[in-house]
C-alpha atoms as a PDB file:
ATOM      1  CA  MET A   1     125.571  95.950  19.375  1.00  0.00           C
ATOM      2  CA  LYS A   2     125.859  96.362  23.098  1.00  0.00           C
ATOM      3  CA  SER A   3     127.081  99.962  23.107  1.00  0.00           C
ATOM      4  CA  THR A   4     123.945 101.058  21.240  1.00  0.00           C
ATOM      5  CA  GLU A   5     121.792  99.344  23.843  1.00  0.00           C
ATOM      6  CA  ASP A   6     123.788 101.013  26.613  1.00  0.00           C
ATOM      7  CA  ASN A   7     123.400 104.403  24.942  1.00  0.00           C
ATOM      8  CA  LYS A   8     119.628 103.987  24.733  1.00  0.00           C
ATOM      9  CA  LYS A   9     119.519 102.858  28.360  1.00  0.00           C
ATOM     10  CA  PHE A  10     121.614 105.816  29.510  1.00  0.00           C
ATOM     11  CA  LEU A  11     119.610 108.308  27.464  1.00  0.00           C
ATOM     12  CA  SER A  12     116.351 107.119  29.026  1.00  0.00           C
ATOM     13  CA  MET A  13     117.669 107.540  32.587  1.00  0.00           C
ATOM     14  CA  SER A  14     117.023 110.567  34.752  1.00  0.00           C
ATOM     15  CA  GLU A  15     119.930 112.694  35.905  1.00  0.00           C
ATOM     16  CA  GLN A  16     119.880 111.169  39.398  1.00  0.00           C
ATOM     17  CA  GLU A  17     119.949 107.671  37.945  1.00  0.00           C
ATOM     18  CA  LEU A  18     122.858 108.651  35.715  1.00  0.00           C
ATOM     19  CA  TYR A  19     124.880 109.909  38.662  1.00  0.00           C
ATOM     20  CA  LYS A  20     124.098 106.727  40.597  1.00  0.00           C
ATOM     21  CA  GLU A  21     125.157 104.582  37.616  1.00  0.00           C
ATOM     22  CA  LEU A  22     128.297 106.696  37.221  1.00  0.00           C
ATOM     23  CA  ILE A  23     129.301 106.035  40.834  1.00  0.00           C
ATOM     24  CA  ASP A  24     128.669 102.302  40.447  1.00  0.00           C
ATOM     25  CA  LEU A  25     130.654 102.072  37.219  1.00  0.00           C
ATOM     26  CA  THR A  26     133.520 104.094  38.688  1.00  0.00           C
ATOM     27  CA  LYS A  27     133.729 101.677  41.622  1.00  0.00           C
ATOM     28  CA  LYS A  28     133.684  98.697  39.250  1.00  0.00           C
ATOM     29  CA  LEU A  29     136.344 100.338  37.090  1.00  0.00           C
ATOM     30  CA  THR A  30     138.591 100.842  40.100  1.00  0.00           C
ATOM     31  CA  MET A  31     138.224  97.235  41.201  1.00  0.00           C
ATOM     32  CA  GLU A  32     138.777  95.829  37.707  1.00  0.00           C
ATOM     33  CA  SER A  33     141.849  97.963  37.078  1.00  0.00           C
ATOM     34  CA  LEU A  34     143.326  96.857  40.413  1.00  0.00           C
ATOM     35  CA  LYS A  35     142.732  93.222  39.471  1.00  0.00           C
ATOM     36  CA  VAL A  36     144.484  93.732  36.136  1.00  0.00           C
ATOM     37  CA  LYS A  37     147.427  95.509  37.743  1.00  0.00           C
ATOM     38  CA  ALA A  38     147.755  92.773  40.341  1.00  0.00           C
ATOM     39  CA  GLY A  39     147.798  90.175  37.575  1.00  0.00           C
ATOM     40  CA  LYS A  40     144.688  88.386  38.792  1.00  0.00           C
ATOM     41  CA  GLN A  41     142.794  89.163  35.607  1.00  0.00           C
ATOM     42  CA  PRO A  42     144.773  88.674  32.404  1.00  0.00           C
ATOM     43  CA  ASN A  43     142.149  90.230  30.112  1.00  0.00           C
ATOM     44  CA  HIS A  44     141.825  93.998  30.399  1.00  0.00           C
ATOM     45  CA  SER A  45     138.965  94.399  27.926  1.00  0.00           C
ATOM     46  CA  SER A  46     136.498  94.795  30.802  1.00  0.00           C
ATOM     47  CA  VAL A  47     138.437  97.864  31.960  1.00  0.00           C
ATOM     48  CA  ASN A  48     138.155  99.399  28.492  1.00  0.00           C
ATOM     49  CA  LYS A  49     134.407  98.723  28.347  1.00  0.00           C
ATOM     50  CA  LEU A  50     133.875 100.284  31.778  1.00  0.00           C
ATOM     51  CA  ARG A  51     135.960 103.314  30.797  1.00  0.00           C
ATOM     52  CA  LYS A  52     133.852 103.834  27.703  1.00  0.00           C
ATOM     53  CA  SER A  53     130.617 103.515  29.675  1.00  0.00           C
ATOM     54  CA  VAL A  54     131.828 106.113  32.182  1.00  0.00           C
ATOM     55  CA  ALA A  55     132.724 108.426  29.286  1.00  0.00           C
ATOM     56  CA  ARG A  56     129.271 107.920  27.712  1.00  0.00           C
ATOM     57  CA  ILE A  57     127.527 108.848  30.958  1.00  0.00           C
ATOM     58  CA  ASN A  58     129.733 111.900  31.452  1.00  0.00           C
ATOM     59  CA  THR A  59     128.965 113.007  27.895  1.00  0.00           C
ATOM     60  CA  ILE A  60     125.209 112.641  28.401  1.00  0.00           C
ATOM     61  CA  ILE A  61     125.339 114.590  31.672  1.00  0.00           C
ATOM     62  CA  SER A  62     127.385 117.327  30.001  1.00  0.00           C
ATOM     63  CA  GLU A  63     125.012 117.565  27.019  1.00  0.00           C
ATOM     64  CA  ARG A  64     121.982 117.811  29.284  1.00  0.00           C
ATOM     65  CA  GLY A  65     123.660 120.551  31.283  1.00  0.00           C
ATOM     66  CA  LYS A  66     124.302 122.551  28.116  1.00  0.00           C
ATOM     67  CA  GLN A  67     120.685 122.122  26.983  1.00  0.00           C
ATOM     68  CA  ASN A  68     119.358 123.456  30.292  1.00  0.00           C
ATOM     69  CA  GLU A  69     121.362 126.674  30.040  1.00  0.00           C
END
């Protein structure tokens, strides 16, 4: 399952790498959602996958912040 692989990849990243990945995914999410809204991409499943990946990264960053306190 791809989400499990992504979770393992995200968990092994450092905090700086996570923030960098978060910025990249946010940019991709913006571009994909604009394509869907413009009607150039009929399938919006890529937007949902990107949204979930952004949420996973935000969750990992939040959990690490709580552990450091």
